[in-house]
């Protein structure tokens, strides 16, 4: 076993924030002359390869590929090359390279590789490290606070995570993570371990009792997220690059299986997200490039899956093509249109997805494996951050829209829109709790990005609009275990987590943070609270 004080910290030291630019590059792939290409390759080999590897797939620093570098816009990439990156060992090159070289290098990094790289089981296994033997971990927490009322706060500003005590709202630990950590922290069912996935493929396992990193592994080159099985035995990671799913042992992140993601005719697909469906004992997989939803059972004795023609289901007399027996069978639910984002009812009977056509949503009955209804959800609903609650005796879904200034409230029996709540701008997150009558909604996009609406779930009316920090994005509310406190993020490098009284809406405490993009309460996550994302 190795300790994180040596190898682990050295491996994390070169985390940087080189990311791609959405605009068309000045040196497009077609306009790169042979000499420009040679110059760019020479610049990379001289100044970048030592940390990011000669193939751009990452080493001590992250992978530098268009598929995995997608955060920054405009001239930010050139700015990072010029000025470096605070709180990392990414140096400033403005005294080494002139502006022409910096621009050339930045534009070259935006170009895709000639061949899409792979990341096979041998690569995955070679990256696996265990820092602390899980068998030696203590039986009890080293602190006196409620371990189920902790928050994992992801600070994107300097690639750190803070473990926040949900009783005193004081930090218990703060540690560096891999590059571009995905906001969605996932917990073991008992709430002891938190699993973190970064965009450049690393999955980390952290012990919330002893406050230390346990293990890590690189499952891909661009990873979307991970999900934890409801029995606590497995993790499933979904990759954007390469197109694969990776099954891990949740005990120490040991790799167990690689599942290629491909359709009937061999077309492969990026993975949009992976979820766990506890009542079904299965993982649900969203695909980016195929009009399908996958369900993969993690039960000990899963039912066979029949992907092809079936003539007879009768026991001991099955007549079918391509029957899948054994563990982790892939059940493919084929749809007429692809889905970009998912939401589930509390029983995981229905999957609600945003259709790619941008005009409506689809309701898929997971039991029968087909679409059963459409929902009027134009304006790119962000279903992954939707919530459910009871309104006038019926269960409803409330979701923000990424392009429209509204919240849609949907009856989950008829799938009709009950009400559209007008907001100051498009939102990103909606959050609530079973013990509060209010839902909090940010206005993430547009000039009013510093505003947060509070909606009364009993009347579906906005009763309060807060502006916690004028001019700065206010987003992502998460409640504590009791529902008595609401924690809100100021998404800025000079940001904060603000603690509010959930009844009076009064600010109680402001905790400085480096762009806290998300915070996740242990109890709410492991109990699948209807007021937060799953």
Protein backbone atom coordinates (compact mmCIF):
# COMPACT_ATOMS: atom_id res chain seq x y z
CA UNK A 1 0.00 0.00 0.00
CA UNK A 2 1.13 3.57 -0.70
CA UNK A 3 0.16 6.61 1.26
CA UNK A 4 -1.38 9.66 -0.38
CA UNK A 5 1.29 11.92 1.08
CA UNK A 6 3.77 10.73 -1.55
CA UNK A 7 2.63 9.24 -4.84
CA UNK A 8 -0.91 10.55 -4.60
CA UNK A 9 0.04 14.19 -4.06
CA UNK A 10 2.71 14.08 -6.74
CA UNK A 11 0.21 12.66 -9.20
CA UNK A 12 -2.24 15.44 -8.43
CA UNK A 13 0.29 18.25 -8.53
CA UNK A 14 0.01 19.02 -12.22
CA UNK A 15 -3.76 19.43 -12.44
CA UNK A 16 -4.49 22.31 -14.86
CA UNK A 17 -7.40 23.92 -16.56
CA UNK A 18 -6.50 23.91 -20.25
CA UNK A 19 -9.84 23.63 -21.97
CA UNK A 20 -11.18 23.97 -25.46
CA UNK A 21 -12.87 26.90 -27.12
CA UNK A 22 -16.32 26.64 -28.64
CA UNK A 23 -15.68 29.17 -31.43
CA UNK A 24 -14.23 28.09 -34.77
CA UNK A 25 -10.44 28.27 -34.53
CA UNK A 26 -8.38 30.69 -36.59
CA UNK A 27 -6.20 27.76 -37.62
CA UNK A 28 -8.93 25.28 -38.60
CA UNK A 29 -7.91 21.74 -39.33
CA UNK A 30 -8.17 22.43 -43.05
CA UNK A 31 -6.13 25.67 -42.82
CA UNK A 32 -3.16 24.31 -40.85
CA UNK A 33 -0.23 24.36 -43.24
CA UNK A 34 2.39 21.61 -42.94
CA UNK A 35 4.83 24.09 -41.43
CA UNK A 36 2.27 25.37 -38.89
CA UNK A 37 1.42 21.81 -37.92
CA UNK A 38 5.09 20.96 -37.49
CA UNK A 39 5.66 24.12 -35.44
CA UNK A 40 2.70 23.35 -33.17
CA UNK A 41 3.81 19.77 -32.65
CA UNK A 42 7.30 20.99 -31.78
CA UNK A 43 5.91 23.52 -29.30
CA UNK A 44 3.82 20.81 -27.65
CA UNK A 45 6.72 18.36 -27.49
CA UNK A 46 8.99 20.99 -25.95
CA UNK A 47 6.67 22.60 -23.43
CA UNK A 48 3.67 20.31 -22.80
CA UNK A 49 4.48 16.64 -23.33
CA UNK A 50 6.42 16.22 -20.10
CA UNK A 51 3.22 16.68 -18.09
CA UNK A 52 0.44 15.88 -20.55
CA UNK A 53 2.17 12.99 -22.35
CA UNK A 54 3.30 12.91 -25.95
CA UNK A 55 -0.04 11.54 -27.16
CA UNK A 56 -2.06 14.28 -25.36
CA UNK A 57 -3.81 11.60 -23.29
CA UNK A 58 -2.58 13.00 -19.99
CA UNK A 59 0.05 12.16 -17.42
CA UNK A 60 0.63 14.30 -14.37
CA UNK A 61 -1.51 16.86 -16.16
CA UNK A 62 -4.93 16.19 -17.75
CA UNK A 63 -5.67 14.93 -21.24
CA UNK A 64 -5.66 17.72 -23.84
CA UNK A 65 -8.35 16.54 -26.25
CA UNK A 66 -11.37 18.38 -27.70
CA UNK A 67 -13.61 15.64 -26.31
CA UNK A 68 -12.42 16.23 -22.76
CA UNK A 69 -11.71 19.96 -22.84
CA UNK A 70 -15.01 21.75 -23.07
CA UNK A 71 -15.33 24.30 -20.31
CA UNK A 72 -13.69 27.58 -21.31
CA UNK A 73 -14.74 29.95 -24.05
CA UNK A 74 -13.32 32.77 -26.20
CA UNK A 75 -9.62 33.44 -25.64
CA UNK A 76 -9.49 31.66 -22.29
CA UNK A 77 -7.35 28.79 -23.57
CA UNK A 78 -4.69 31.21 -24.76
CA UNK A 79 -4.97 33.00 -21.44
CA UNK A 80 -4.26 29.84 -19.49
CA UNK A 81 -1.22 29.08 -21.65
CA UNK A 82 -0.02 32.66 -21.16
CA UNK A 83 -0.76 33.17 -17.47
CA UNK A 84 -0.77 29.64 -16.07
CA UNK A 85 -3.35 28.43 -13.61
CA UNK A 86 -3.58 29.41 -9.95
CA UNK A 87 -3.33 26.68 -7.31
CA UNK A 88 -1.73 24.25 -9.79
CA UNK A 89 1.73 23.70 -11.24
CA UNK A 90 0.59 24.85 -14.67
CA UNK A 91 3.24 27.51 -15.40
CA UNK A 92 2.86 30.79 -17.28
CA UNK A 93 4.41 30.70 -20.75
CA UNK A 94 4.09 34.40 -21.62
CA UNK A 95 7.79 34.97 -20.92
CA UNK A 96 8.79 31.87 -22.91
CA UNK A 97 6.51 32.02 -25.97
CA UNK A 98 5.37 34.96 -28.05
CA UNK A 99 1.68 35.53 -28.76
CA UNK A 100 1.86 33.94 -32.19
CA UNK A 101 3.21 30.70 -30.72
CA UNK A 102 0.62 30.75 -27.92
CA UNK A 103 -2.21 31.20 -30.42
CA UNK A 104 -0.83 28.48 -32.68
CA UNK A 105 -0.45 26.03 -29.80
CA UNK A 106 -3.93 26.79 -28.48
CA UNK A 107 -5.56 26.28 -31.87
CA UNK A 108 -3.64 23.05 -32.44
CA UNK A 109 -4.88 21.67 -29.10
CA UNK A 110 -8.44 22.20 -30.32
CA UNK A 111 -7.93 19.78 -33.18
CA UNK A 112 -9.05 16.17 -32.79
CA UNK A 113 -6.52 13.38 -32.96
CA UNK A 114 -6.18 11.59 -36.28
CA UNK A 115 -7.26 8.40 -34.54
CA UNK A 116 -9.66 8.19 -31.62
CA UNK A 117 -7.61 6.78 -28.76
CA UNK A 118 -8.62 3.74 -26.78
CA UNK A 119 -8.44 2.98 -23.10
CA UNK A 120 -8.65 -0.75 -22.53
CA UNK A 121 -8.83 -2.95 -19.43
CA UNK A 122 -5.06 -3.23 -19.30
CA UNK A 123 -4.75 0.57 -19.20
CA UNK A 124 -7.47 0.82 -16.58
CA UNK A 125 -5.93 -1.85 -14.37
CA UNK A 126 -2.47 -0.28 -14.64
CA UNK A 127 -3.80 3.05 -13.35
CA UNK A 128 -5.41 1.52 -10.23
CA UNK A 129 -3.90 2.50 -6.89
CA UNK A 130 -5.02 1.73 -3.34
CA UNK A 131 -3.64 4.19 -0.80
CA UNK A 132 -5.25 2.70 2.30
CA UNK A 133 -6.34 -0.90 2.76
CA UNK A 134 -10.12 -0.66 3.30
CA UNK A 135 -9.87 -3.46 5.89
CA UNK A 136 -7.81 -1.16 8.13
CA UNK A 137 -10.25 1.75 8.16
CA UNK A 138 -11.79 2.73 11.52
CA UNK A 139 -15.26 1.59 12.49
CA UNK A 140 -16.37 5.03 13.67
CA UNK A 141 -15.93 8.61 12.45
CA UNK A 142 -13.02 10.62 13.83
CA UNK A 143 -15.39 13.55 14.50
CA UNK A 144 -18.49 13.97 16.68
CA UNK A 145 -20.88 15.39 14.10
CA UNK A 146 -23.64 13.43 12.36
CA UNK A 147 -21.84 11.59 9.52
CA UNK A 148 -25.06 11.48 7.51
CA UNK A 149 -25.39 15.25 7.62
CA UNK A 150 -22.10 15.97 5.89
CA UNK A 151 -21.83 17.82 2.59
CA UNK A 152 -19.33 17.15 -0.17
CA UNK A 153 -18.66 20.55 -1.76
CA UNK A 154 -16.97 20.54 -5.17
CA UNK A 155 -14.83 23.66 -5.66
CA UNK A 156 -14.07 23.98 -9.35
CA UNK A 157 -12.06 27.17 -8.93
CA UNK A 158 -8.95 25.33 -7.74
CA UNK A 159 -9.96 21.66 -8.13
CA UNK A 160 -10.62 20.89 -4.48
CA UNK A 161 -13.34 19.28 -2.41
CA UNK A 162 -14.41 20.49 1.02
CA UNK A 163 -16.13 18.13 3.45
CA UNK A 164 -18.56 20.37 5.30
CA UNK A 165 -20.14 19.58 8.67
CA UNK A 166 -23.89 20.01 8.19
CA UNK A 167 -24.47 20.62 11.91
CA UNK A 168 -21.99 23.44 12.51
CA UNK A 169 -21.40 24.36 8.84
CA UNK A 170 -17.65 24.20 9.43
CA UNK A 171 -15.16 22.47 7.11
CA UNK A 172 -13.82 19.14 8.35
CA UNK A 173 -11.36 18.58 5.50
CA UNK A 174 -10.28 20.07 2.18
CA UNK A 175 -8.33 18.10 -0.40
CA UNK A 176 -7.16 18.41 -4.00
CA UNK A 177 -8.93 16.39 -6.67
CA UNK A 178 -8.34 15.48 -10.26
CA UNK A 179 -8.93 17.96 -13.08
CA UNK A 180 -12.49 19.17 -13.81
CA UNK A 181 -14.29 17.08 -11.23
CA UNK A 182 -17.89 16.29 -12.18
CA UNK A 183 -20.21 17.93 -9.67
CA UNK A 184 -22.29 14.84 -8.92
CA UNK A 185 -20.64 13.20 -5.91
CA UNK A 186 -22.04 9.71 -5.24
CA UNK A 187 -22.17 7.87 -1.91
CA UNK A 188 -22.10 4.30 -0.73
CA UNK A 189 -25.55 3.24 0.59
CA UNK A 190 -24.41 3.57 4.21
CA UNK A 191 -23.04 7.05 3.55
CA UNK A 192 -19.49 6.17 4.53
CA UNK A 193 -17.67 6.59 1.21
CA UNK A 194 -17.94 9.26 -1.44
CA UNK A 195 -17.00 8.52 -5.06
CA UNK A 196 -15.82 11.33 -7.32
CA UNK A 197 -15.41 11.27 -11.10
CA UNK A 198 -13.38 13.78 -13.12
CA UNK A 199 -13.88 14.74 -16.73
CA UNK A 200 -10.48 13.32 -17.66
CA UNK A 201 -11.40 9.84 -16.56
CA UNK A 202 -10.29 9.50 -12.95
CA UNK A 203 -12.53 7.98 -10.28
CA UNK A 204 -11.59 8.56 -6.65
CA UNK A 205 -12.83 6.91 -3.44
CA UNK A 206 -12.74 8.92 -0.21
CA UNK A 207 -13.53 7.72 3.32
CA UNK A 208 -15.80 10.16 5.17
CA UNK A 209 -15.08 8.52 8.56
CA UNK A 210 -11.29 8.87 8.57
CA UNK A 211 -11.23 11.80 6.10
CA UNK A 212 -8.71 10.33 3.68
CA UNK A 213 -8.43 9.14 0.09
CA UNK A 214 -8.69 5.36 -0.20
CA UNK A 215 -8.16 4.57 -3.89
CA UNK A 216 -8.30 5.91 -7.43
CA UNK A 217 -8.39 4.58 -10.98
CA UNK A 218 -8.56 6.01 -14.48
CA UNK A 219 -11.53 4.47 -16.31
CA UNK A 220 -11.37 6.50 -19.51
CA UNK A 221 -10.14 9.65 -21.21
CA UNK A 222 -13.37 11.63 -20.87
CA UNK A 223 -15.80 10.36 -18.25
CA UNK A 224 -19.35 11.58 -17.75
CA UNK A 225 -20.19 10.29 -14.27
CA UNK A 226 -20.49 7.28 -11.99
CA UNK A 227 -23.34 5.52 -10.19
CA UNK A 228 -23.27 3.27 -7.12
CA UNK A 229 -25.36 0.10 -6.92
CA UNK A 230 -28.01 0.09 -4.21
CA UNK A 231 -26.32 -2.88 -2.49
CA UNK A 232 -23.04 -0.95 -2.31
CA UNK A 233 -21.01 -3.53 -4.20
CA UNK A 234 -20.48 -1.94 -7.59
CA UNK A 235 -19.72 1.30 -9.38
CA UNK A 236 -20.57 1.90 -13.01
CA UNK A 237 -18.68 4.63 -14.86
CA UNK A 238 -19.87 6.02 -18.20
CA UNK A 239 -17.36 7.37 -20.72
CA UNK A 240 -17.66 9.94 -23.46
CA UNK A 241 -14.25 8.77 -24.71
CA UNK A 242 -13.76 5.97 -25.42
CA UNK A 243 -17.35 4.80 -25.88
CA UNK A 244 -17.58 2.38 -22.98
CA UNK A 245 -19.00 1.53 -19.57
CA UNK A 246 -16.66 0.38 -16.81
CA UNK A 247 -17.77 -1.76 -13.88
CA UNK A 248 -15.75 -1.35 -10.67
CA UNK A 249 -15.69 -3.06 -7.29
CA UNK A 250 -16.93 -0.42 -4.86
CA UNK A 251 -14.74 -1.88 -2.10
CA UNK A 252 -11.49 -0.56 -3.57
CA UNK A 253 -12.24 0.46 -7.20
CA UNK A 254 -10.80 -2.73 -8.65
CA UNK A 255 -11.88 -2.96 -12.34
CA UNK A 256 -14.26 -5.83 -13.09
CA UNK A 257 -15.61 -5.41 -16.60
CA UNK A 258 -15.52 -3.20 -19.70
CA UNK A 259 -18.75 -2.98 -21.70
CA UNK A 260 -18.43 -1.44 -25.20
CA UNK A 261 -21.32 0.88 -26.06
CA UNK A 262 -22.51 0.05 -29.56
CA UNK A 263 -25.80 -0.33 -31.42
CA UNK A 264 -27.18 -2.90 -33.84
CA UNK A 265 -25.06 -1.85 -36.80
CA UNK A 266 -21.85 -1.30 -34.89
CA UNK A 267 -22.31 2.44 -34.39
CA UNK A 268 -20.82 3.42 -31.06
CA UNK A 269 -22.09 6.06 -28.66
CA UNK A 270 -20.90 8.39 -25.98
CA UNK A 271 -22.49 7.88 -22.57
CA UNK A 272 -24.51 10.87 -21.38
CA UNK A 273 -25.03 9.62 -17.83
CA UNK A 274 -25.33 6.54 -15.63
CA UNK A 275 -27.91 6.22 -12.85
CA UNK A 276 -28.75 3.56 -10.30
CA UNK A 277 -32.37 2.39 -9.97
CA UNK A 278 -32.58 0.82 -6.48
CA UNK A 279 -36.02 -0.84 -6.78
CA UNK A 280 -34.91 -2.44 -10.03
CA UNK A 281 -31.41 -3.45 -8.89
CA UNK A 282 -30.04 -2.05 -12.10
CA UNK A 283 -28.04 0.72 -13.70
CA UNK A 284 -29.84 2.94 -16.24
CA UNK A 285 -27.62 4.37 -18.99
CA UNK A 286 -28.32 7.42 -21.15
CA UNK A 287 -26.68 7.38 -24.58
CA UNK A 288 -25.67 10.47 -26.52
CA UNK A 289 -25.51 9.11 -30.06
CA UNK A 290 -28.05 6.27 -30.18
CA UNK A 291 -31.86 6.43 -29.70
CA UNK A 292 -31.68 3.88 -26.90
CA UNK A 293 -31.75 3.56 -23.14
CA UNK A 294 -29.78 0.74 -21.54
CA UNK A 295 -30.66 -1.11 -18.36
CA UNK A 296 -27.96 -3.30 -16.80
CA UNK A 297 -28.97 -5.50 -13.87
CA UNK A 298 -26.57 -5.89 -10.95
CA UNK A 299 -28.72 -8.53 -9.19
CA UNK A 300 -27.01 -11.78 -8.25
CA UNK A 301 -29.35 -13.82 -10.44
CA UNK A 302 -30.63 -11.46 -13.14
CA UNK A 303 -33.38 -12.47 -15.48
CA UNK A 304 -32.21 -13.30 -19.01
CA UNK A 305 -32.32 -10.52 -21.57
CA UNK A 306 -33.75 -11.22 -25.03
CA UNK A 307 -32.33 -8.61 -27.42
CA UNK A 308 -33.46 -10.41 -30.56
CA UNK A 309 -36.50 -12.29 -31.88
CA UNK A 310 -38.32 -14.50 -29.34
CA UNK A 311 -40.59 -17.33 -30.44
CA UNK A 312 -41.22 -18.97 -27.07
CA UNK A 313 -40.59 -17.75 -23.50
CA UNK A 314 -41.79 -20.97 -21.84
CA UNK A 315 -39.42 -22.20 -19.14
CA UNK A 316 -36.92 -24.79 -20.38
CA UNK A 317 -38.31 -24.32 -23.91
CA UNK A 318 -37.09 -20.82 -24.77
CA UNK A 319 -36.72 -20.18 -28.49
CA UNK A 320 -34.94 -16.88 -29.03
CA UNK A 321 -31.96 -15.20 -30.67
CA UNK A 322 -28.98 -13.79 -28.76
CA UNK A 323 -30.26 -14.54 -25.26
CA UNK A 324 -28.05 -12.96 -22.58
CA UNK A 325 -27.60 -15.12 -19.49
CA UNK A 326 -25.40 -14.42 -16.52
CA UNK A 327 -24.36 -11.28 -14.65
CA UNK A 328 -24.76 -7.72 -15.93
CA UNK A 329 -26.89 -8.36 -19.02
CA UNK A 330 -27.58 -5.31 -21.21
CA UNK A 331 -31.25 -4.65 -21.87
CA UNK A 332 -31.60 -2.17 -24.73
CA UNK A 333 -34.78 -0.09 -24.87
CA UNK A 334 -35.06 1.29 -28.40
CA UNK A 335 -36.77 4.65 -28.95
CA UNK A 336 -37.80 6.74 -31.94
CA UNK A 337 -35.72 9.72 -30.77
CA UNK A 338 -32.64 10.07 -28.64
CA UNK A 339 -32.79 11.47 -25.11
CA UNK A 340 -30.38 14.04 -23.72
CA UNK A 341 -31.34 14.11 -20.05
CA UNK A 342 -33.22 11.88 -17.62
CA UNK A 343 -35.51 12.11 -14.65
CA UNK A 344 -37.15 9.24 -12.73
CA UNK A 345 -40.25 8.93 -10.63
CA UNK A 346 -39.61 7.86 -7.03
CA UNK A 347 -40.49 4.22 -7.80
CA UNK A 348 -38.23 4.11 -10.88
CA UNK A 349 -41.08 2.84 -12.96
CA UNK A 350 -40.99 5.77 -15.35
CA UNK A 351 -38.07 7.47 -17.05
CA UNK A 352 -38.73 11.00 -18.26
CA UNK A 353 -36.27 12.22 -20.88
CA UNK A 354 -35.70 15.41 -22.85
CA UNK A 355 -36.01 14.61 -26.55
CA UNK A 356 -33.28 15.74 -28.93
CA UNK A 357 -35.83 17.55 -31.09
CA UNK A 358 -35.91 20.27 -28.42
CA UNK A 359 -39.72 20.43 -28.45
CA UNK A 360 -40.95 17.79 -26.06
CA UNK A 361 -40.14 15.10 -23.55
CA UNK A 362 -40.69 11.36 -23.64
CA UNK A 363 -42.06 9.18 -20.87
CA UNK A 364 -40.67 5.65 -20.98
CA UNK A 365 -42.20 2.85 -18.94
CA UNK A 366 -39.17 0.84 -17.84
CA UNK A 367 -41.28 -2.22 -17.04
CA UNK A 368 -42.58 -2.66 -20.58
CA UNK A 369 -39.60 -1.01 -22.24
CA UNK A 370 -41.31 1.56 -24.47
CA UNK A 371 -42.46 5.15 -24.67
CA UNK A 372 -45.94 5.68 -23.21
CA UNK A 373 -46.40 9.47 -23.40
CA UNK A 374 -45.05 12.77 -24.67
CA UNK A 375 -44.66 15.89 -22.53
CA UNK A 376 -44.71 19.47 -23.79
CA UNK A 377 -41.21 20.50 -22.72
CA UNK A 378 -39.75 22.83 -25.31
CA UNK A 379 -36.83 25.08 -24.40
CA UNK A 380 -34.40 22.31 -23.36
CA UNK A 381 -35.64 21.26 -19.94
CA UNK A 382 -32.88 20.37 -17.49
CA UNK A 383 -34.59 17.25 -16.22
CA UNK A 384 -31.52 16.03 -14.38
CA UNK A 385 -32.13 18.77 -11.82
CA UNK A 386 -35.90 18.37 -11.59
CA UNK A 387 -37.75 17.59 -8.36
CA UNK A 388 -41.01 15.94 -7.38
CA UNK A 389 -43.52 16.86 -4.68
CA UNK A 390 -47.20 16.52 -3.86
CA UNK A 391 -49.52 19.25 -5.08
CA UNK A 392 -53.25 19.11 -4.36
CA UNK A 393 -53.16 15.37 -3.83
CA UNK A 394 -51.13 14.43 -6.87
CA UNK A 395 -47.44 13.90 -7.55
CA UNK A 396 -45.88 16.51 -9.82
CA UNK A 397 -42.54 17.11 -11.49
CA UNK A 398 -40.99 20.58 -11.60
CA UNK A 399 -38.13 21.29 -13.99
CA UNK A 400 -36.24 24.38 -15.17
CA UNK A 401 -35.44 25.08 -18.83
CA UNK A 402 -32.00 25.88 -20.18
CA UNK A 403 -33.30 28.19 -22.93
CA UNK A 404 -36.66 29.47 -21.64
CA UNK A 405 -37.40 31.67 -18.63
CA UNK A 406 -39.80 29.32 -16.90
CA UNK A 407 -40.38 26.35 -14.64
CA UNK A 408 -42.71 23.63 -15.92
CA UNK A 409 -44.88 21.76 -13.41
CA UNK A 410 -46.08 18.40 -14.78
CA UNK A 411 -48.75 16.04 -13.44
CA UNK A 412 -47.01 12.65 -13.19
CA UNK A 413 -50.24 10.71 -13.76
CA UNK A 414 -51.63 12.44 -16.84
CA UNK A 415 -48.28 13.95 -17.94
CA UNK A 416 -50.07 17.23 -18.61
CA UNK A 417 -48.56 20.62 -17.76
CA UNK A 418 -50.33 21.96 -14.66
CA UNK A 419 -48.62 25.33 -14.66
CA UNK A 420 -45.79 27.28 -16.21
CA UNK A 421 -44.06 29.58 -13.71
CA UNK A 422 -42.40 32.57 -15.38
CA UNK A 423 -38.89 33.38 -14.10
CA UNK A 424 -36.32 36.14 -14.65
CA UNK A 425 -34.33 33.90 -16.96
CA UNK A 426 -33.44 30.31 -17.87
CA UNK A 427 -32.46 28.20 -14.89
CA UNK A 428 -30.17 25.28 -14.20
CA UNK A 429 -31.15 23.82 -10.82
CA UNK A 430 -34.36 23.28 -8.88
CA UNK A 431 -34.10 22.00 -5.31
CA UNK A 432 -36.39 21.30 -2.36
CA UNK A 433 -36.85 18.91 0.60
CA UNK A 434 -39.66 16.81 2.02
CA UNK A 435 -39.69 18.97 5.18
CA UNK A 436 -40.07 22.36 3.51
CA UNK A 437 -43.02 23.87 1.61
CA UNK A 438 -40.64 25.76 -0.67
CA UNK A 439 -38.62 25.04 -3.81
CA UNK A 440 -35.57 27.11 -4.73
CA UNK A 441 -34.79 27.87 -8.38
CA UNK A 442 -31.76 29.71 -9.77
CA UNK A 443 -31.68 32.00 -12.81
CA UNK A 444 -28.41 30.67 -14.15
CA UNK A 445 -28.38 32.26 -17.60
CA UNK A 446 -28.83 35.86 -18.63
CA UNK A 447 -28.49 39.26 -16.95
CA UNK A 448 -30.33 38.15 -13.80
CA UNK A 449 -27.95 35.27 -13.08
CA UNK A 450 -27.50 36.59 -9.53
CA UNK A 451 -31.17 35.98 -8.68
CA UNK A 452 -32.76 32.98 -6.95
CA UNK A 453 -36.52 32.44 -6.84
CA UNK A 454 -38.29 30.74 -3.95
CA UNK A 455 -41.55 29.03 -4.96
CA UNK A 456 -44.31 27.96 -2.60
CA UNK A 457 -45.07 24.35 -3.51
CA UNK A 458 -48.62 24.76 -2.15
CA UNK A 459 -49.56 27.60 -4.50
CA UNK A 460 -46.96 27.32 -7.28
CA UNK A 461 -46.23 31.00 -6.89
CA UNK A 462 -42.90 32.80 -6.46
CA UNK A 463 -42.94 34.23 -2.92
CA UNK A 464 -39.39 35.61 -2.69
CA UNK A 465 -36.48 36.53 -4.96
CA UNK A 466 -33.02 36.74 -3.43
CA UNK A 467 -29.88 38.37 -4.81
CA UNK A 468 -27.14 37.05 -2.50
CA UNK A 469 -24.18 38.62 -4.35
CA UNK A 470 -25.10 41.22 -7.00
CA UNK A 471 -23.47 40.47 -10.33
CA UNK A 472 -22.32 36.95 -9.47
CA UNK A 473 -24.02 33.69 -10.40
CA UNK A 474 -26.11 32.26 -7.56
CA UNK A 475 -26.97 28.59 -8.10
CA UNK A 476 -27.39 25.03 -6.84
CA UNK A 477 -29.26 24.97 -3.55
CA UNK A 478 -28.97 21.86 -1.40
CA UNK A 479 -30.75 21.26 1.91
CA UNK A 480 -29.33 19.74 5.05
CA UNK A 481 -30.66 16.47 6.42
CA UNK A 482 -33.48 18.12 8.36
CA UNK A 483 -34.62 20.46 5.60
CA UNK A 484 -34.25 23.40 7.98
CA UNK A 485 -31.29 24.95 6.17
CA UNK A 486 -30.72 25.69 2.49
CA UNK A 487 -27.15 26.01 1.20
CA UNK A 488 -26.57 28.07 -1.94
CA UNK A 489 -23.44 28.56 -4.07
CA UNK A 490 -21.90 31.73 -5.42
CA UNK A 491 -20.28 30.38 -8.60
CA UNK A 492 -17.16 32.50 -8.63
CA UNK A 493 -13.46 31.95 -7.92
CA UNK A 494 -14.00 34.42 -5.10
CA UNK A 495 -17.23 32.66 -4.16
CA UNK A 496 -18.97 31.21 -1.15
CA UNK A 497 -21.49 28.75 0.20
CA UNK A 498 -24.29 30.67 1.90
CA UNK A 499 -26.40 29.02 4.59
CA UNK A 500 -30.04 30.18 4.80
CA UNK A 501 -32.83 29.53 7.24
CA UNK A 502 -35.22 27.56 5.02
CA UNK A 503 -38.31 29.03 6.73
CA UNK A 504 -37.42 32.72 7.01
CA UNK A 505 -34.96 32.91 4.07
CA UNK A 506 -32.54 34.82 6.30
CA UNK A 507 -28.82 34.40 5.69
CA UNK A 508 -27.13 32.64 8.63
CA UNK A 509 -23.55 32.07 7.50
CA UNK A 510 -21.27 32.68 4.53
CA UNK A 511 -18.37 30.26 3.96
CA UNK A 512 -15.70 31.42 1.47
CA UNK A 513 -15.13 28.89 -1.36
CA UNK A 514 -13.38 28.72 -4.73
CA UNK A 515 -16.28 28.45 -7.20
CA UNK A 516 -18.39 25.87 -5.32
CA UNK A 517 -20.24 24.35 -8.27
CA UNK A 518 -22.12 21.74 -6.25
CA UNK A 519 -22.71 20.44 -2.74
CA UNK A 520 -24.29 17.14 -1.85
CA UNK A 521 -25.80 16.11 1.48
CA UNK A 522 -25.10 12.50 2.42
CA UNK A 523 -28.51 11.70 3.91
CA UNK A 524 -30.53 13.29 1.13
CA UNK A 525 -28.53 11.43 -1.50
CA UNK A 526 -28.60 7.95 0.05
CA UNK A 527 -32.33 8.22 0.83
CA UNK A 528 -33.09 9.52 -2.69
CA UNK A 529 -34.87 12.62 -1.44
CA UNK A 530 -37.57 13.83 -3.81
CA UNK A 531 -36.11 17.34 -3.53
CA UNK A 532 -32.68 16.66 -5.04
CA UNK A 533 -31.07 14.94 -8.01
CA UNK A 534 -30.40 11.22 -7.90
